[in-house]
Amino acid sequence: MKKVLIIDDEVNLRSLLARIVQLEGYSVIEASNGKLALKLLEHETFQVIITDVKLPDINGVDLTAKIKSLCPTSEIIVLTAYGTIEDGVRAMKNGAFDYLTKGDHQSKIIPLVSKATEKALLQQKVAELEKKLIQKFGFNKIIGTSRALLHTIELARKVSATDTTVLILGETGVGKEVFAEAIHYESLRKARPLVALNCSAFAKDLLESELFGHAEGAFTGATKAKKGLLEEAHEGTLFLDEIGEMNLELQAKILRVLETGEFYRVGESKPRKANIRLIAATNRDLNKEIENGKFREDLFYRLSVFTISIPPLRERDEDIEILTHYFIQFFAGKTNKQAPTPDDNFLKALKNHPWKGNIRELKNVIERCVILVDGNRLSIDLLPFNFNDSTELNTFDLAVVEKNHIQKILRHTRGNKTEAAHLLNIGLTTLYRKIQDYKISL
C-alpha cells in the first residue's frame, strides 16, 4: 500500500490532513516532531512525506535535507505559512518535491501527493533494480577469501567510484569480465549501459565497424547506416576484452576517443561525440607487445592509468574449495539434482591441479562431475581422463591405483567397455573380470 508520513505539531491540522489523504486510499502515519519522524524513517519506507516548516525541534527546511539523505527515493511536500514562502523555495533546493501554503493546501494536496507518489514509486523501482543488478554483478558476487583476491577486490572497489580508465590484466579464465561488470555496476554510470566486446572475435574491418559503426554504402554490404558500440555505450561503460589482439590502426582510433571524446563512423567525415568510461582487459604482456611493435606505447599509458592484476587460481589455493562448493550447488540446481558432497581425495585432486584455464576450467570440470555423478558423493574417478590427479591416495596399493584408472577410462568412454579395453591395452574379458573383482559400478 502507498504510504504517507505527515509531520506537524498542530494535532488538529495534522489529523485533518491525515483524514483527507486516507480517504484517497493511502496508509498514513503521523509524527509530531522531526526527531520522531527521523526515527520512523529508519524502519519504514514512505513514498511521500508531508512536513510543516515550523516544528518544535527542527526547521522543516533542514529536516528536508536530512530526510533526502536518509531516504533519497521518498518525495517531500513542505507546508509553509503565507509569510514564509521563501522557506518552501529553500526546501525545494534541499530536495523537496514541492511546497504548499497553508490555507489552500487542503484542495491542492491530493493532486500533489498523487504526482509525488508516482515519482517516488518509479524511483524506488529503479533503486530496487539497481540493487538487484549489484547483487547479480557487483563485487559481492566475486567468490573467494584469499588475501590476493581480497586485495584485488579492494582496488577495484576504489576505482569503481571514479570515472578513471581501467586496465585489467590476467590469464584466460580468471574472471576479467566479472571484475569489469562489478566496476561498472558499482559506479556512477550503473544506470547506463555496459557494452562488452571481445576484440579477438572479429577481423580488423568487422571490428572497426562493430566499434565505430558505419555509414550507408561505406563498404560492400553496408545497405544502411549502423550505430557502433561506442554509441551504444554512450554515458555508460565500454569493456574491450582482449585489447592486445587489436591492430595498430584501430589502437590509434581508440586513443583518439580517449583523448578527444570523438570518433568517426566508417565512411563518415563528421565526428561524433562519445561519453564513455573505458575498461580494457588482456591476457597478454603489453610491455612485450610494445617491444615487438604490436601495441602502441601511448595507448598503453592511457589505458593503464589504473591497472588491476587478477591472480590466477593456482595462486589462490584457499579459494578452490569455496568455488567448488559454489559450482556444485549451482549445477545441481540447474540439473534438478541434490547437491553431492566432494570427498577428500576429490578436493585434493582439485587443489593439486595447475588450473591453466583458471576458474573457467574449474567451472567446466564441476559441471561435468555433477552431470556424471549417480549418488551423493563426488569422487576422484569422476574427474576428466586427462586430469592431473597428483593427489595422495589413502594407500599406495597398486590395486587401488588400477581400480581408479579403470574407472576413469570407463567414464571417459561413457561405459563403452570395448573402447575402454582398447585404451587400456587389455582384452575385453580381462576388463570384465577386473570390473567384477574391483566391484566397479558404472
Protein backbone atom coordinates (compact mmCIF):
# COMPACT_ATOMS: atom_id res chain seq x y z
CA MET A 1 0.00 0.00 0.00
CA LYS A 2 1.20 3.56 -0.75
CA LYS A 3 2.37 5.19 2.49
CA VAL A 4 2.44 8.83 3.57
CA LEU A 5 4.12 10.34 6.63
CA ILE A 6 2.69 13.61 7.97
CA ILE A 7 4.87 15.71 10.29
CA ASP A 8 3.19 18.58 12.14
CA ASP A 9 2.94 19.58 15.81
CA GLU A 10 -0.59 21.00 15.38
CA VAL A 11 -2.77 17.99 16.26
CA ASN A 12 -5.99 19.19 14.64
CA LEU A 13 -4.36 20.21 11.35
CA ARG A 14 -2.34 17.00 11.23
CA SER A 15 -5.38 14.81 11.90
CA LEU A 16 -7.47 16.64 9.27
CA LEU A 17 -4.74 16.27 6.67
CA ALA A 18 -4.31 12.58 7.56
CA ARG A 19 -8.05 12.01 7.11
CA ILE A 20 -8.07 13.70 3.68
CA VAL A 21 -5.15 11.59 2.46
CA GLN A 22 -6.54 8.35 3.95
CA LEU A 23 -9.83 8.81 2.08
CA GLU A 24 -7.84 8.55 -1.17
CA GLY A 25 -6.58 5.09 -0.21
CA TYR A 26 -3.21 5.96 1.31
CA SER A 27 -1.83 4.50 4.51
CA VAL A 28 -0.92 7.41 6.81
CA ILE A 29 1.36 7.63 9.83
CA GLU A 30 1.63 10.82 11.88
CA ALA A 31 4.60 12.37 13.71
CA SER A 32 4.52 15.44 15.96
CA ASN A 33 8.18 16.45 15.54
CA GLY A 34 11.30 15.91 13.44
CA LYS A 35 13.02 13.57 15.87
CA LEU A 36 10.11 11.13 15.87
CA ALA A 37 9.84 11.34 12.08
CA LEU A 38 13.51 10.51 11.57
CA LYS A 39 13.12 7.55 13.96
CA LEU A 40 10.18 6.24 11.90
CA LEU A 41 12.16 6.63 8.66
CA GLU A 42 14.88 4.32 9.98
CA HIS A 43 12.43 1.41 9.93
CA GLU A 44 9.75 2.24 7.34
CA THR A 45 9.65 3.36 3.72
CA PHE A 46 7.25 6.11 2.69
CA GLN A 47 6.50 7.29 -0.82
CA VAL A 48 5.53 10.79 0.33
CA ILE A 49 6.40 12.85 3.40
CA ILE A 50 4.42 15.99 4.22
CA THR A 51 6.12 18.30 6.72
CA ASP A 52 5.42 21.68 8.23
CA VAL A 53 8.25 24.22 8.12
CA LYS A 54 7.73 25.23 11.76
CA LEU A 55 8.37 22.25 14.02
CA PRO A 56 9.20 22.37 17.74
CA ASP A 57 12.63 20.74 17.42
CA ILE A 58 13.86 21.48 13.87
CA ASN A 59 13.18 23.73 10.92
CA GLY A 60 11.35 21.88 8.10
CA VAL A 61 13.90 23.14 5.56
CA ASP A 62 16.76 21.49 7.47
CA LEU A 63 14.61 18.39 8.04
CA THR A 64 14.09 18.09 4.26
CA ALA A 65 17.84 17.77 3.70
CA LYS A 66 18.12 15.12 6.43
CA ILE A 67 15.20 13.12 5.04
CA LYS A 68 16.58 13.17 1.46
CA SER A 69 19.92 11.97 2.79
CA LEU A 70 18.25 9.12 4.68
CA CYS A 71 15.52 8.30 2.10
CA PRO A 72 16.60 9.54 -1.35
CA THR A 73 13.68 7.87 -3.16
CA SER A 74 10.96 9.44 -0.99
CA GLU A 75 9.31 12.70 -2.07
CA ILE A 76 8.75 15.58 0.35
CA ILE A 77 5.97 18.19 0.31
CA VAL A 78 6.56 21.20 2.57
CA LEU A 79 3.76 23.23 4.19
CA THR A 80 4.53 26.92 4.74
CA ALA A 81 2.70 29.89 6.16
CA TYR A 82 1.88 32.79 3.83
CA GLY A 83 4.81 34.81 5.11
CA THR A 84 7.38 32.05 4.78
CA ILE A 85 7.08 31.01 1.14
CA GLU A 86 10.82 31.54 0.77
CA ASP A 87 11.23 28.62 3.19
CA GLY A 88 9.38 26.41 0.72
CA VAL A 89 11.67 27.52 -2.08
CA ARG A 90 14.74 26.76 0.05
CA ALA A 91 13.26 23.36 0.92
CA MET A 92 12.95 22.55 -2.79
CA LYS A 93 16.63 23.39 -3.19
CA ASN A 94 17.24 20.81 -0.45
CA GLY A 95 15.37 18.20 -2.46
CA ALA A 96 11.69 18.75 -1.69
CA PHE A 97 9.19 17.78 -4.40
CA ASP A 98 7.08 20.92 -3.94
CA TYR A 99 5.59 23.24 -1.30
CA LEU A 100 2.09 24.40 -0.38
CA THR A 101 0.95 27.41 1.61
CA LYS A 102 -1.39 26.70 4.48
CA GLY A 103 -4.90 27.79 3.79
CA ASP A 104 -5.21 26.49 0.26
CA HIS A 105 -3.37 23.23 0.84
CA GLN A 106 -6.49 21.14 1.54
CA SER A 107 -7.79 21.48 -2.01
CA LYS A 108 -4.41 21.05 -3.65
CA ILE A 109 -2.83 18.35 -1.50
CA ILE A 110 -4.30 15.23 -3.17
CA PRO A 111 -3.19 16.00 -6.76
CA LEU A 112 0.25 16.90 -5.45
CA VAL A 113 0.51 13.74 -3.32
CA SER A 114 -0.56 11.69 -6.35
CA LYS A 115 2.19 13.18 -8.54
CA ALA A 116 4.78 12.82 -5.78
CA THR A 117 3.75 9.20 -5.19
CA GLU A 118 4.09 8.38 -8.88
CA LYS A 119 7.62 9.80 -8.95
CA ALA A 120 8.61 8.08 -5.70
CA LEU A 121 7.34 4.68 -6.84
CA LEU A 122 9.33 5.00 -10.07
CA GLN A 123 12.47 5.99 -8.16
CA GLN A 124 12.02 3.12 -5.71
CA LYS A 125 11.56 0.68 -8.58
CA VAL A 126 14.76 1.92 -10.24
CA ALA A 127 16.62 1.68 -6.92
CA GLU A 128 15.40 -1.90 -6.45
CA LEU A 129 16.51 -2.84 -9.96
CA GLU A 130 19.92 -1.26 -9.32
CA LYS A 131 20.18 -3.21 -6.07
CA LYS A 132 19.41 -6.46 -7.90
CA LEU A 133 22.00 -5.64 -10.57
CA ILE A 134 24.64 -5.02 -7.89
CA GLN A 135 23.72 -8.32 -6.20
CA LYS A 136 24.00 -10.12 -9.53
CA PHE A 137 27.03 -8.37 -10.99
CA GLY A 138 28.66 -6.44 -8.11
CA PHE A 139 31.71 -7.25 -6.03
CA ASN A 140 29.71 -9.42 -3.61
CA LYS A 141 29.26 -11.87 -6.49
CA ILE A 142 33.03 -12.46 -6.68
CA ILE A 143 33.70 -15.65 -4.71
CA GLY A 144 36.82 -16.22 -2.65
CA THR A 145 38.53 -15.32 0.62
CA SER A 146 42.22 -15.46 -0.31
CA ARG A 147 44.31 -12.44 0.58
CA ALA A 148 45.36 -11.95 -3.05
CA LEU A 149 41.74 -11.87 -4.27
CA LEU A 150 40.50 -9.61 -1.46
CA HIS A 151 43.30 -7.13 -2.21
CA THR A 152 42.29 -7.11 -5.88
CA ILE A 153 38.62 -6.53 -4.97
CA GLU A 154 39.61 -3.66 -2.67
CA LEU A 155 41.49 -1.94 -5.50
CA ALA A 156 38.60 -2.46 -7.92
CA ARG A 157 36.09 -1.06 -5.40
CA LYS A 158 38.13 2.11 -5.00
CA VAL A 159 38.38 2.77 -8.73
CA SER A 160 34.71 1.89 -9.39
CA ALA A 161 33.57 5.13 -7.75
CA THR A 162 35.62 7.18 -10.23
CA ASP A 163 35.45 7.64 -13.99
CA THR A 164 39.05 6.50 -14.48
CA THR A 165 40.07 4.22 -17.35
CA VAL A 166 40.94 0.74 -16.04
CA LEU A 167 43.23 -1.95 -17.46
CA ILE A 168 42.53 -5.45 -16.14
CA LEU A 169 45.34 -7.98 -16.51
CA GLY A 170 45.07 -11.72 -16.01
CA GLU A 171 45.24 -15.14 -17.58
CA THR A 172 42.38 -16.62 -19.56
CA GLY A 173 39.51 -17.69 -17.30
CA VAL A 174 40.44 -15.68 -14.17
CA GLY A 175 37.28 -13.56 -14.34
CA LYS A 176 38.33 -10.31 -16.02
CA GLU A 177 34.81 -9.69 -17.35
CA VAL A 178 33.32 -10.38 -13.91
CA PHE A 179 35.53 -7.64 -12.46
CA ALA A 180 34.61 -5.27 -15.31
CA GLU A 181 30.91 -5.85 -14.59
CA ALA A 182 31.41 -5.23 -10.87
CA ILE A 183 33.29 -1.98 -11.52
CA HIS A 184 30.51 -0.75 -13.80
CA TYR A 185 27.53 -1.77 -11.67
CA GLU A 186 29.02 -0.15 -8.56
CA SER A 187 29.93 3.06 -10.40
CA LEU A 188 28.01 6.29 -11.00
CA ARG A 189 27.28 5.00 -14.53
CA LYS A 190 25.44 1.88 -13.30
CA ALA A 191 22.11 3.08 -14.67
CA ARG A 192 23.60 3.39 -18.15
CA PRO A 193 24.68 0.55 -20.49
CA LEU A 194 27.67 -1.73 -20.05
CA VAL A 195 28.71 -2.77 -23.57
CA ALA A 196 31.27 -5.56 -23.91
CA LEU A 197 33.30 -6.53 -26.98
CA ASN A 198 35.87 -9.30 -27.39
CA CYS A 199 38.48 -7.85 -29.75
CA SER A 200 39.76 -11.31 -30.71
CA ALA A 201 36.36 -12.36 -32.07
CA PHE A 202 36.35 -10.08 -35.13
CA ALA A 203 38.53 -9.49 -38.19
CA LYS A 204 40.04 -5.99 -38.50
CA ASP A 205 37.39 -4.46 -40.79
CA LEU A 206 34.50 -6.01 -38.90
CA LEU A 207 35.94 -4.90 -35.57
CA GLU A 208 36.18 -1.29 -36.74
CA SER A 209 32.57 -1.31 -37.95
CA GLU A 210 31.41 -3.01 -34.75
CA LEU A 211 33.12 -0.38 -32.61
CA PHE A 212 32.54 2.82 -34.55
CA GLY A 213 29.55 1.96 -36.73
CA HIS A 214 29.35 2.78 -40.43
CA ALA A 215 27.54 4.98 -42.92
CA GLU A 216 25.24 3.63 -45.60
CA GLY A 217 27.33 2.48 -48.57
CA ALA A 218 30.61 2.67 -46.60
CA PHE A 219 31.57 -0.74 -47.99
CA THR A 220 30.06 -3.65 -49.89
CA GLY A 221 27.06 -4.93 -47.95
CA ALA A 222 26.56 -1.73 -45.93
CA THR A 223 22.99 -1.23 -47.14
CA LYS A 224 22.08 1.02 -44.25
CA ALA A 225 23.81 3.09 -41.57
CA LYS A 226 24.72 1.26 -38.37
CA LYS A 227 25.33 2.56 -34.89
CA GLY A 228 28.56 1.26 -33.32
CA LEU A 229 29.16 0.02 -29.78
CA LEU A 230 30.72 3.35 -28.82
CA GLU A 231 27.36 4.97 -29.37
CA GLU A 232 25.54 2.12 -27.64
CA ALA A 233 27.76 2.71 -24.59
CA HIS A 234 27.14 6.47 -24.51
CA GLU A 235 27.21 7.73 -20.90
CA GLY A 236 27.92 4.15 -19.81
CA THR A 237 30.93 1.82 -19.92
CA LEU A 238 32.67 0.17 -22.85
CA PHE A 239 34.53 -3.02 -21.97
CA LEU A 240 37.13 -4.08 -24.54
CA ASP A 241 38.23 -7.62 -23.72
CA GLU A 242 41.49 -8.96 -25.20
CA ILE A 243 42.53 -5.48 -26.36
CA GLY A 244 46.00 -6.89 -27.01
CA GLU A 245 44.53 -8.51 -30.14
CA MET A 246 43.56 -5.14 -31.66
CA ASN A 247 45.60 -3.98 -34.66
CA LEU A 248 47.69 -0.78 -34.54
CA GLU A 249 45.39 1.23 -36.79
CA LEU A 250 42.38 0.65 -34.55
CA GLN A 251 44.51 1.28 -31.47
CA ALA A 252 45.19 4.79 -32.83
CA LYS A 253 41.45 5.39 -33.23
CA ILE A 254 40.71 4.21 -29.69
CA LEU A 255 43.46 6.54 -28.45
CA ARG A 256 41.70 9.44 -30.19
CA VAL A 257 38.44 8.58 -28.43
CA LEU A 258 40.21 8.64 -25.06
CA GLU A 259 41.97 11.93 -25.80
CA THR A 260 39.18 13.91 -27.52
CA GLY A 261 35.92 12.05 -26.82
CA GLU A 262 35.31 11.96 -30.57
CA PHE A 263 35.19 9.27 -33.25
CA TYR A 264 34.16 8.76 -36.87
CA ARG A 265 31.80 6.16 -38.21
CA VAL A 266 33.33 4.18 -41.08
CA GLY A 267 32.61 6.13 -44.26
CA GLU A 268 31.76 9.42 -42.49
CA SER A 269 33.77 12.65 -42.25
CA LYS A 270 31.77 14.26 -39.46
CA PRO A 271 32.99 13.48 -35.93
CA ARG A 272 30.62 12.16 -33.28
CA LYS A 273 30.85 12.50 -29.52
CA ALA A 274 31.42 9.55 -27.18
CA ASN A 275 30.95 9.96 -23.44
CA ILE A 276 32.15 6.61 -22.18
CA ARG A 277 34.21 5.05 -19.47
CA LEU A 278 36.66 2.54 -20.92
CA ILE A 279 37.64 -0.69 -19.20
CA ALA A 280 40.12 -2.83 -21.14
CA ALA A 281 41.42 -6.32 -20.42
CA THR A 282 44.09 -8.60 -21.79
CA ASN A 283 45.94 -11.83 -21.03
CA ARG A 284 48.99 -10.59 -22.95
CA ASP A 285 52.13 -8.91 -21.62
CA LEU A 286 51.60 -5.50 -23.19
CA ASN A 287 55.15 -4.36 -22.41
CA LYS A 288 56.46 -7.20 -24.60
CA GLU A 289 53.87 -6.36 -27.25
CA ILE A 290 55.18 -2.77 -27.24
CA GLU A 291 58.77 -4.01 -27.63
CA ASN A 292 57.66 -6.16 -30.58
CA GLY A 293 55.88 -3.23 -32.21
CA LYS A 294 52.43 -4.79 -31.81
CA PHE A 295 50.96 -2.35 -29.28
CA ARG A 296 51.09 1.42 -29.07
CA GLU A 297 53.00 2.74 -26.11
CA ASP A 298 50.90 5.92 -25.92
CA LEU A 299 47.67 3.87 -25.79
CA PHE A 300 49.16 1.65 -23.10
CA TYR A 301 49.83 4.70 -20.90
CA ARG A 302 46.27 5.94 -21.40
CA LEU A 303 44.81 2.53 -20.59
CA SER A 304 47.00 1.79 -17.59
CA VAL A 305 46.02 4.84 -15.54
CA PHE A 306 44.70 2.27 -13.08
CA THR A 307 45.82 -1.33 -13.52
CA ILE A 308 44.29 -4.34 -11.76
CA SER A 309 46.04 -7.72 -11.94
CA ILE A 310 43.79 -10.68 -11.13
CA PRO A 311 45.76 -13.56 -9.57
CA PRO A 312 45.48 -16.98 -11.25
CA LEU A 313 43.60 -19.74 -9.44
CA ARG A 314 46.79 -21.73 -8.73
CA GLU A 315 47.92 -18.84 -6.50
CA ARG A 316 44.64 -18.91 -4.58
CA ASP A 317 44.52 -22.46 -3.16
CA GLU A 318 42.14 -21.47 -0.38
CA ASP A 319 39.56 -20.30 -2.95
CA ILE A 320 39.39 -23.62 -4.83
CA GLU A 321 37.24 -25.40 -2.24
CA ILE A 322 34.89 -22.40 -1.85
CA LEU A 323 34.43 -22.14 -5.61
CA THR A 324 33.95 -25.90 -5.87
CA HIS A 325 31.07 -25.89 -3.38
CA TYR A 326 29.53 -22.88 -5.12
CA PHE A 327 29.63 -24.54 -8.55
CA ILE A 328 28.30 -27.83 -7.12
CA GLN A 329 25.25 -26.01 -5.73
CA PHE A 330 24.82 -24.04 -8.95
CA PHE A 331 24.93 -27.02 -11.33
CA ALA A 332 22.94 -29.27 -9.01
CA GLY A 333 20.17 -26.68 -9.19
CA LYS A 334 20.39 -26.50 -12.97
CA THR A 335 20.19 -30.29 -13.34
CA ASN A 336 17.50 -30.75 -10.64
CA LYS A 337 19.79 -32.92 -8.53
CA GLN A 338 20.51 -32.95 -4.84
CA ALA A 339 23.90 -31.30 -4.38
CA PRO A 340 26.55 -34.06 -3.97
CA THR A 341 29.38 -33.79 -1.42
CA PRO A 342 33.00 -33.88 -2.66
CA ASP A 343 35.17 -36.40 -0.83
CA ASP A 344 38.67 -35.61 0.47
CA ASN A 345 40.55 -37.15 -2.47
CA PHE A 346 38.37 -35.23 -4.91
CA LEU A 347 39.23 -31.94 -3.21
CA LYS A 348 42.93 -32.88 -3.02
CA ALA A 349 42.98 -33.57 -6.73
CA LEU A 350 41.43 -30.16 -7.41
CA LYS A 351 43.95 -28.37 -5.20
CA ASN A 352 46.89 -30.14 -6.86
CA HIS A 353 45.73 -29.35 -10.38
CA PRO A 354 47.61 -26.49 -12.18
CA TRP A 355 44.37 -24.89 -13.49
CA LYS A 356 45.75 -23.41 -16.67
CA GLY A 357 42.19 -22.45 -17.57
CA ASN A 358 41.62 -20.97 -14.10
CA ILE A 359 38.04 -20.51 -12.80
CA ARG A 360 36.50 -21.23 -16.19
CA GLU A 361 38.24 -24.63 -16.25
CA LEU A 362 37.15 -25.40 -12.67
CA LYS A 363 33.57 -24.46 -13.53
CA ASN A 364 33.56 -26.81 -16.53
CA VAL A 365 35.08 -29.66 -14.53
CA ILE A 366 32.49 -29.36 -11.74
CA GLU A 367 29.62 -29.15 -14.23
CA ARG A 368 30.83 -32.40 -15.85
CA CYS A 369 31.17 -34.16 -12.48
CA VAL A 370 27.70 -33.10 -11.30
CA ILE A 371 26.20 -34.42 -14.55
CA LEU A 372 28.05 -37.76 -14.26
CA VAL A 373 27.55 -38.49 -10.56
CA ASP A 374 24.88 -41.05 -9.70
CA GLY A 375 25.00 -40.92 -5.92
CA ASN A 376 25.57 -38.14 -3.41
CA ARG A 377 29.41 -38.20 -3.40
CA LEU A 378 31.89 -36.68 -5.84
CA SER A 379 34.91 -38.97 -6.06
CA ILE A 380 38.18 -38.73 -7.96
CA ASP A 381 37.07 -41.19 -10.64
CA LEU A 382 34.58 -38.59 -11.92
CA LEU A 383 37.35 -36.22 -12.96
CA PRO A 384 38.29 -36.00 -16.65
CA PHE A 385 40.60 -38.64 -18.14
CA ASN A 386 43.38 -36.13 -18.80
CA PHE A 387 43.06 -34.55 -15.35
CA ASN A 388 46.28 -34.17 -13.43
CA ASP A 389 45.39 -36.02 -10.23
CA SER A 390 48.69 -35.94 -8.39
CA THR A 391 46.77 -36.30 -5.17
CA GLU A 392 47.99 -38.61 -2.47
CA LEU A 393 45.75 -41.66 -2.27
CA ASN A 394 44.84 -43.23 1.05
CA THR A 395 47.08 -46.14 0.13
CA PHE A 396 49.93 -46.92 -2.23
CA ASP A 397 48.29 -50.25 -3.05
CA LEU A 398 48.65 -50.92 -6.80
CA ALA A 399 45.13 -52.37 -6.89
CA VAL A 400 43.67 -49.03 -5.74
CA VAL A 401 45.58 -47.17 -8.44
CA GLU A 402 44.46 -49.71 -11.07
CA LYS A 403 40.82 -49.53 -9.96
CA ASN A 404 40.79 -45.72 -10.11
CA HIS A 405 42.42 -45.78 -13.55
CA ILE A 406 39.88 -48.24 -14.95
CA GLN A 407 37.01 -46.19 -13.52
CA LYS A 408 38.39 -43.06 -15.15
CA ILE A 409 38.74 -44.74 -18.54
CA LEU A 410 35.21 -46.10 -18.34
CA ARG A 411 33.92 -42.64 -17.55
CA HIS A 412 35.89 -41.30 -20.50
CA THR A 413 34.32 -43.86 -22.85
CA ARG A 414 30.86 -43.35 -21.27
CA GLY A 415 30.74 -47.00 -20.26
CA ASN A 416 31.81 -48.41 -23.64
CA LYS A 417 33.81 -51.45 -22.45
CA THR A 418 35.18 -52.37 -25.90
CA GLU A 419 36.66 -48.90 -26.33
CA ALA A 420 37.89 -48.88 -22.72
CA ALA A 421 39.66 -52.23 -23.17
CA HIS A 422 41.33 -50.87 -26.31
CA LEU A 423 42.56 -47.74 -24.48
CA LEU A 424 43.79 -49.86 -21.54
CA ASN A 425 45.51 -52.25 -23.97
CA ILE A 426 43.91 -55.29 -22.33
CA GLY A 427 41.43 -57.91 -23.52
CA LEU A 428 37.71 -57.35 -23.12
CA THR A 429 37.43 -60.48 -20.96
CA THR A 430 40.18 -59.15 -18.69
CA LEU A 431 38.35 -55.87 -18.36
CA TYR A 432 35.09 -57.62 -17.36
CA ARG A 433 36.97 -59.64 -14.77
CA LYS A 434 38.62 -56.55 -13.24
CA ILE A 435 35.27 -54.75 -13.15
CA GLN A 436 33.86 -57.68 -11.19
CA ASP A 437 36.93 -58.05 -8.91
CA TYR A 438 37.09 -54.34 -8.09
CA LYS A 439 33.29 -54.02 -7.84
CA ILE A 440 33.35 -51.09 -10.24
CA SER A 441 29.90 -49.54 -10.71
CA LEU A 442 29.09 -47.67 -13.89
